[in-house]
Amino acid sequence: MAGKEHLSVEHKDQIGCQAFEIDADDRIAVVSGKHNKFIGYLKIATAKGVTHEFGNENSKNSTTPFMFDIETNEQPSVLFGALDKIGNY
């Protein structure tokens, strides 16, 4: 699917992109956040304690907490998603 094609036409110009890199000697340890119909808030923490936060922790789609812990021997290769920054969903 082409980028931004999952959104309604009137919201395409309101999309931003945020990326991060993890040091070669670090790893993703916890992926947590809050959701409702969609994920409204996402927090990624590395084993070294570096955190990256996305979305709005207090949006209407940030009502139910979730957490995925990732063991030392597990190696996720890709995390991809979109968050509702504008708060309409």
N, C-alpha and C. Protein backbone atom coordinates (compact mmCIF):
# COMPACT_ATOMS: atom_id res chain seq x y z
N MET A 1 0.84 -1.17 0.00
CA MET A 1 0.00 0.00 0.00
C MET A 1 0.89 1.23 0.00
N ALA A 2 0.61 2.13 -0.85
CA ALA A 2 1.40 3.36 -0.92
C ALA A 2 1.25 4.17 0.36
N GLY A 3 2.28 4.92 0.70
CA GLY A 3 2.26 5.73 1.91
C GLY A 3 1.07 6.64 1.99
N LYS A 4 0.49 6.76 3.15
CA LYS A 4 -0.65 7.61 3.47
C LYS A 4 -1.95 7.16 2.80
N GLU A 5 -1.96 6.04 2.10
CA GLU A 5 -3.17 5.62 1.40
C GLU A 5 -4.18 4.98 2.34
N HIS A 6 -3.79 4.71 3.58
CA HIS A 6 -4.73 4.15 4.56
C HIS A 6 -5.54 5.25 5.26
N LEU A 7 -5.29 6.51 4.93
CA LEU A 7 -5.95 7.64 5.57
C LEU A 7 -7.00 8.25 4.67
N SER A 8 -7.96 8.91 5.29
CA SER A 8 -8.93 9.64 4.48
C SER A 8 -8.23 10.83 3.83
N VAL A 9 -8.70 11.22 2.69
CA VAL A 9 -8.06 12.24 1.86
C VAL A 9 -7.82 13.53 2.63
N GLU A 10 -8.76 13.97 3.46
CA GLU A 10 -8.60 15.25 4.14
C GLU A 10 -7.52 15.25 5.22
N HIS A 11 -7.00 14.09 5.60
CA HIS A 11 -5.99 14.03 6.66
C HIS A 11 -4.56 13.79 6.15
N LYS A 12 -4.38 13.57 4.88
CA LYS A 12 -3.06 13.22 4.36
C LYS A 12 -2.01 14.30 4.60
N ASP A 13 -2.39 15.57 4.56
CA ASP A 13 -1.42 16.64 4.74
C ASP A 13 -1.05 16.86 6.20
N GLN A 14 -1.67 16.15 7.12
CA GLN A 14 -1.40 16.31 8.55
C GLN A 14 -0.50 15.21 9.10
N ILE A 15 0.08 14.40 8.24
CA ILE A 15 0.90 13.27 8.66
C ILE A 15 2.37 13.67 8.72
N GLY A 16 3.03 13.28 9.79
CA GLY A 16 4.46 13.51 9.94
C GLY A 16 5.16 12.17 10.07
N CYS A 17 6.45 12.18 10.02
CA CYS A 17 7.23 10.96 10.14
C CYS A 17 8.30 11.16 11.20
N GLN A 18 8.45 10.17 12.05
CA GLN A 18 9.47 10.24 13.09
C GLN A 18 10.14 8.87 13.16
N ALA A 19 11.45 8.85 13.05
CA ALA A 19 12.20 7.61 13.08
C ALA A 19 13.28 7.70 14.15
N PHE A 20 13.79 6.56 14.56
CA PHE A 20 14.89 6.54 15.52
C PHE A 20 15.77 5.34 15.23
N GLU A 21 16.99 5.39 15.71
CA GLU A 21 17.92 4.29 15.55
C GLU A 21 18.37 3.83 16.92
N ILE A 22 18.71 2.56 17.01
CA ILE A 22 19.19 1.97 18.26
C ILE A 22 20.65 1.59 18.07
N ASP A 23 21.46 1.88 19.08
CA ASP A 23 22.88 1.54 19.02
C ASP A 23 23.07 0.05 18.75
N ALA A 24 24.15 -0.29 18.09
CA ALA A 24 24.42 -1.69 17.72
C ALA A 24 24.52 -2.60 18.95
N ASP A 25 24.95 -2.06 20.09
CA ASP A 25 25.08 -2.88 21.29
C ASP A 25 23.86 -2.77 22.21
N ASP A 26 22.76 -2.25 21.71
CA ASP A 26 21.52 -2.12 22.47
C ASP A 26 20.44 -2.93 21.77
N ARG A 27 19.26 -3.02 22.38
CA ARG A 27 18.14 -3.74 21.77
C ARG A 27 16.84 -3.19 22.32
N ILE A 28 15.74 -3.41 21.61
CA ILE A 28 14.42 -3.05 22.11
C ILE A 28 14.08 -4.03 23.22
N ALA A 29 13.70 -3.51 24.39
CA ALA A 29 13.38 -4.35 25.52
C ALA A 29 11.88 -4.35 25.83
N VAL A 30 11.22 -3.21 25.66
CA VAL A 30 9.79 -3.10 25.99
C VAL A 30 9.10 -2.20 24.97
N VAL A 31 7.96 -2.65 24.50
CA VAL A 31 7.08 -1.83 23.69
C VAL A 31 5.77 -1.75 24.47
N SER A 32 5.39 -0.53 24.84
CA SER A 32 4.17 -0.36 25.62
C SER A 32 3.40 0.83 25.08
N GLY A 33 2.23 1.04 25.60
CA GLY A 33 1.44 2.18 25.18
C GLY A 33 0.02 2.07 25.66
N LYS A 34 -0.85 2.81 24.99
CA LYS A 34 -2.28 2.79 25.29
C LYS A 34 -3.06 2.76 23.98
N HIS A 35 -4.21 2.08 24.02
CA HIS A 35 -5.04 1.97 22.82
C HIS A 35 -6.50 2.06 23.19
N ASN A 36 -7.33 2.22 22.20
CA ASN A 36 -8.77 2.10 22.30
C ASN A 36 -9.20 1.41 21.01
N LYS A 37 -9.68 2.14 20.02
CA LYS A 37 -9.93 1.56 18.70
C LYS A 37 -8.62 1.42 17.94
N PHE A 38 -7.69 2.33 18.19
CA PHE A 38 -6.38 2.35 17.56
C PHE A 38 -5.35 2.62 18.65
N ILE A 39 -4.09 2.47 18.34
CA ILE A 39 -3.04 2.85 19.28
C ILE A 39 -2.93 4.36 19.28
N GLY A 40 -3.09 4.96 20.43
CA GLY A 40 -2.99 6.41 20.56
C GLY A 40 -1.68 6.87 21.14
N TYR A 41 -0.98 5.97 21.83
CA TYR A 41 0.29 6.32 22.47
C TYR A 41 1.19 5.09 22.44
N LEU A 42 2.44 5.29 22.07
CA LEU A 42 3.40 4.19 21.96
C LEU A 42 4.71 4.61 22.60
N LYS A 43 5.27 3.74 23.43
CA LYS A 43 6.55 3.99 24.08
C LYS A 43 7.45 2.79 23.84
N ILE A 44 8.64 3.04 23.31
CA ILE A 44 9.61 1.99 23.05
C ILE A 44 10.82 2.25 23.93
N ALA A 45 11.21 1.25 24.72
CA ALA A 45 12.36 1.39 25.61
C ALA A 45 13.41 0.35 25.25
N THR A 46 14.66 0.76 25.27
CA THR A 46 15.75 -0.16 24.97
C THR A 46 16.30 -0.75 26.27
N ALA A 47 17.12 -1.78 26.13
CA ALA A 47 17.74 -2.42 27.29
C ALA A 47 18.64 -1.44 28.05
N LYS A 48 19.20 -0.46 27.35
CA LYS A 48 20.05 0.55 27.99
C LYS A 48 19.23 1.67 28.64
N GLY A 49 17.91 1.63 28.51
CA GLY A 49 17.05 2.62 29.14
C GLY A 49 16.72 3.84 28.29
N VAL A 50 17.07 3.82 27.03
CA VAL A 50 16.69 4.92 26.13
C VAL A 50 15.23 4.73 25.73
N THR A 51 14.43 5.78 25.84
CA THR A 51 13.02 5.66 25.48
C THR A 51 12.66 6.59 24.32
N HIS A 52 11.70 6.15 23.55
CA HIS A 52 11.15 6.92 22.44
C HIS A 52 9.64 6.87 22.59
N GLU A 53 9.00 8.03 22.56
CA GLU A 53 7.55 8.10 22.75
C GLU A 53 6.89 8.74 21.52
N PHE A 54 5.73 8.21 21.18
CA PHE A 54 4.99 8.66 20.01
C PHE A 54 3.52 8.76 20.36
N GLY A 55 2.82 9.72 19.79
CA GLY A 55 1.40 9.86 20.01
C GLY A 55 1.08 10.71 21.22
N ASN A 56 -0.15 10.58 21.70
CA ASN A 56 -0.64 11.38 22.81
C ASN A 56 -1.16 10.45 23.90
N GLU A 57 -0.53 10.46 25.04
CA GLU A 57 -0.91 9.57 26.14
C GLU A 57 -2.32 9.84 26.67
N ASN A 58 -2.85 11.01 26.39
CA ASN A 58 -4.17 11.39 26.91
C ASN A 58 -5.25 11.51 25.84
N SER A 59 -5.01 10.96 24.65
CA SER A 59 -6.02 11.05 23.59
C SER A 59 -7.16 10.06 23.84
N LYS A 60 -8.24 10.20 23.08
CA LYS A 60 -9.37 9.29 23.26
C LYS A 60 -9.05 7.86 22.81
N ASN A 61 -7.97 7.67 22.07
CA ASN A 61 -7.52 6.33 21.72
C ASN A 61 -6.40 5.83 22.63
N SER A 62 -6.22 6.48 23.78
CA SER A 62 -5.20 6.08 24.76
C SER A 62 -5.86 5.75 26.09
N THR A 63 -6.75 4.77 26.07
CA THR A 63 -7.50 4.45 27.28
C THR A 63 -7.08 3.14 27.94
N THR A 64 -6.65 2.17 27.17
CA THR A 64 -6.32 0.84 27.70
C THR A 64 -4.84 0.56 27.52
N PRO A 65 -4.10 0.38 28.63
CA PRO A 65 -2.66 0.13 28.52
C PRO A 65 -2.35 -1.26 27.93
N PHE A 66 -1.21 -1.37 27.27
CA PHE A 66 -0.69 -2.66 26.81
C PHE A 66 0.82 -2.65 26.96
N MET A 67 1.42 -3.85 26.99
CA MET A 67 2.87 -3.93 27.08
C MET A 67 3.35 -5.25 26.47
N PHE A 68 4.39 -5.15 25.65
CA PHE A 68 5.08 -6.31 25.12
C PHE A 68 6.50 -6.26 25.66
N ASP A 69 6.89 -7.27 26.42
CA ASP A 69 8.28 -7.33 26.85
C ASP A 69 9.03 -8.26 25.91
N ILE A 70 10.24 -7.91 25.61
CA ILE A 70 11.02 -8.67 24.63
C ILE A 70 12.24 -9.24 25.35
N GLU A 71 12.33 -10.54 25.34
CA GLU A 71 13.41 -11.23 26.04
C GLU A 71 14.74 -11.02 25.32
N THR A 72 15.82 -11.24 26.04
CA THR A 72 17.17 -11.03 25.51
C THR A 72 17.41 -11.82 24.22
N ASN A 73 16.89 -13.05 24.15
CA ASN A 73 17.15 -13.89 22.97
C ASN A 73 16.17 -13.65 21.83
N GLU A 74 15.20 -12.76 22.00
CA GLU A 74 14.27 -12.42 20.93
C GLU A 74 14.77 -11.18 20.21
N GLN A 75 14.62 -11.14 18.90
CA GLN A 75 15.14 -10.02 18.13
C GLN A 75 14.13 -9.54 17.10
N PRO A 76 13.23 -8.62 17.50
CA PRO A 76 12.31 -8.08 16.50
C PRO A 76 13.09 -7.31 15.45
N SER A 77 12.74 -7.48 14.20
CA SER A 77 13.49 -6.82 13.15
C SER A 77 12.84 -5.52 12.68
N VAL A 78 11.52 -5.42 12.81
CA VAL A 78 10.84 -4.23 12.32
C VAL A 78 9.65 -3.90 13.23
N LEU A 79 9.53 -2.65 13.56
CA LEU A 79 8.32 -2.12 14.20
C LEU A 79 7.84 -1.00 13.31
N PHE A 80 6.58 -1.06 12.90
CA PHE A 80 6.05 -0.06 12.00
C PHE A 80 4.63 0.27 12.41
N GLY A 81 4.26 1.50 12.31
CA GLY A 81 2.89 1.85 12.62
C GLY A 81 2.64 3.32 12.38
N ALA A 82 1.40 3.70 12.62
CA ALA A 82 1.00 5.10 12.51
C ALA A 82 0.15 5.43 13.71
N LEU A 83 0.30 6.63 14.22
CA LEU A 83 -0.48 7.09 15.35
C LEU A 83 -1.32 8.28 14.94
N ASP A 84 -2.45 8.43 15.61
CA ASP A 84 -3.37 9.51 15.32
C ASP A 84 -2.92 10.78 16.03
N LYS A 85 -2.06 11.55 15.41
CA LYS A 85 -1.55 12.77 16.01
C LYS A 85 -2.63 13.85 16.07
N ILE A 86 -3.55 13.84 15.15
CA ILE A 86 -4.55 14.90 15.08
C ILE A 86 -5.74 14.64 15.99
N GLY A 87 -5.90 13.42 16.51
CA GLY A 87 -6.92 13.13 17.50
C GLY A 87 -8.33 12.98 16.98
N ASN A 88 -8.51 12.70 15.71
CA ASN A 88 -9.86 12.58 15.16
C ASN A 88 -10.41 11.17 15.14
N TYR A 89 -9.60 10.17 15.48
CA TYR A 89 -10.07 8.79 15.34
C TYR A 89 -10.34 8.16 16.68
